[in-house]
Amino acid sequence: GRRNANSISVVSVANVVKVEDGVFEDVRISLGAVAPTPIMAREASNFLKGRRVNIDNIEKAAEIAAREAKPISDIRASEWYRREMVRILTKRSIIKSLEKLGVTI
């Protein structure tokens, strides 16, 4: 039948992290709905590689990811809101990934 609703992401963030002895060995952060196509937040990912797992490093990487985003303002959200959500969701998603790995911050 016909669709009655439509869900469109305002912002999406995904990541993969590998941690060894309290250090980020590999990190990949991807961002959706903040550029014409999904993008890899390479600067943020590279920032974390080789650094200790701690909240300061995670927050700095989230800020870098927000700067890497190229969002637009439209009816769903402003550029500012999308950039802020990238920062918040990047931080949350990395922390969640670490929790799943059993890594404490």
Protein backbone atom coordinates (compact mmCIF):
# COMPACT_ATOMS: atom_id res chain seq x y z
CA GLY A 1 0.00 0.00 0.00
CA ARG A 2 0.87 3.65 0.12
CA ARG A 3 3.28 4.98 2.68
CA ASN A 4 1.66 7.09 5.41
CA ALA A 5 4.84 8.40 6.98
CA ASN A 6 8.43 9.06 6.10
CA SER A 7 11.45 9.00 8.42
CA ILE A 8 14.42 11.06 7.35
CA SER A 9 17.51 11.38 9.52
CA VAL A 10 18.45 14.85 10.66
CA VAL A 11 21.91 13.54 11.65
CA SER A 12 23.42 10.08 11.96
CA VAL A 13 26.75 8.93 13.37
CA ALA A 14 28.36 5.50 13.28
CA ASN A 15 31.76 4.36 14.45
CA VAL A 16 34.10 1.43 14.79
CA VAL A 17 36.76 1.46 17.49
CA LYS A 18 39.57 -0.88 18.39
CA VAL A 19 41.26 -0.40 21.76
CA GLU A 20 44.45 -2.02 23.00
CA ASP A 21 45.81 -1.42 26.51
CA GLY A 22 43.74 1.74 26.99
CA VAL A 23 44.81 3.27 23.68
CA PHE A 24 42.70 3.78 20.55
CA GLU A 25 44.34 1.53 17.95
CA ASP A 26 41.84 2.08 15.13
CA VAL A 27 38.90 4.46 14.88
CA ARG A 28 36.47 5.13 12.05
CA ILE A 29 33.71 7.69 12.43
CA SER A 30 31.12 8.22 9.71
CA LEU A 31 28.51 10.96 9.50
CA GLY A 32 25.19 10.96 7.68
CA ALA A 33 22.76 13.71 6.68
CA VAL A 34 25.39 16.42 7.19
CA ALA A 35 26.80 16.55 3.66
CA PRO A 36 25.50 15.69 0.18
CA THR A 37 26.51 12.06 0.82
CA PRO A 38 27.64 10.17 3.95
CA ILE A 39 31.19 11.15 4.89
CA MET A 40 34.03 9.75 6.94
CA ALA A 41 35.19 12.08 9.71
CA ARG A 42 38.83 11.36 8.93
CA GLU A 43 40.39 14.14 11.01
CA ALA A 44 38.40 13.12 14.09
CA SER A 45 39.20 9.44 13.52
CA ASN A 46 42.90 10.15 13.04
CA PHE A 47 42.98 12.40 16.10
CA LEU A 48 42.00 9.48 18.35
CA LYS A 49 44.37 6.90 16.86
CA GLY A 50 47.26 6.29 19.23
CA ARG A 51 45.75 8.39 22.03
CA ARG A 52 44.66 7.25 25.49
CA VAL A 53 41.01 6.41 26.00
CA ASN A 54 39.69 9.29 28.10
CA ILE A 55 36.80 11.73 28.02
CA ASP A 56 38.97 14.70 27.02
CA ASN A 57 40.19 12.94 23.87
CA ILE A 58 36.67 11.77 23.01
CA GLU A 59 35.25 15.28 23.44
CA LYS A 60 38.02 16.78 21.29
CA ALA A 61 37.37 14.21 18.55
CA ALA A 62 33.65 15.02 18.69
CA GLU A 63 34.44 18.73 18.21
CA ILE A 64 36.65 17.90 15.24
CA ALA A 65 33.89 15.74 13.72
CA ALA A 66 31.45 18.63 14.08
CA ARG A 67 33.87 20.88 12.17
CA GLU A 68 34.23 18.25 9.44
CA ALA A 69 30.47 18.13 8.86
CA LYS A 70 29.10 20.23 5.98
CA PRO A 71 25.44 20.51 6.95
CA ILE A 72 22.77 22.72 5.45
CA SER A 73 19.83 24.46 7.05
CA ASP A 74 16.47 23.23 5.87
CA ILE A 75 12.96 22.63 7.15
CA ARG A 76 14.11 19.72 9.35
CA ALA A 77 17.04 21.38 11.15
CA SER A 78 19.42 24.31 11.05
CA GLU A 79 23.10 24.03 10.19
CA TRP A 80 23.95 24.92 13.80
CA TYR A 81 21.67 22.21 15.22
CA ARG A 82 23.05 19.53 12.90
CA ARG A 83 26.64 20.45 13.74
CA GLU A 84 25.85 20.39 17.47
CA MET A 85 24.15 17.00 17.11
CA VAL A 86 27.22 15.62 15.32
CA ARG A 87 29.30 16.65 18.33
CA ILE A 88 26.88 15.14 20.84
CA LEU A 89 26.18 11.93 18.91
CA THR A 90 29.85 11.33 18.11
CA LYS A 91 30.71 11.51 21.80
CA ARG A 92 27.79 9.27 22.78
CA SER A 93 28.45 6.70 20.08
CA ILE A 94 32.15 6.35 20.95
CA ILE A 95 31.31 5.96 24.64
CA LYS A 96 28.66 3.34 23.75
CA SER A 97 31.16 1.43 21.59
CA LEU A 98 33.69 1.46 24.43
CA GLU A 99 31.04 0.17 26.86
CA LYS A 100 30.27 -2.71 24.47
CA LEU A 101 33.98 -3.54 24.45
CA GLY A 102 34.06 -3.48 28.24
CA VAL A 103 36.42 -0.49 28.25
CA THR A 104 35.93 1.98 31.08
CA ILE A 105 36.66 5.65 30.68
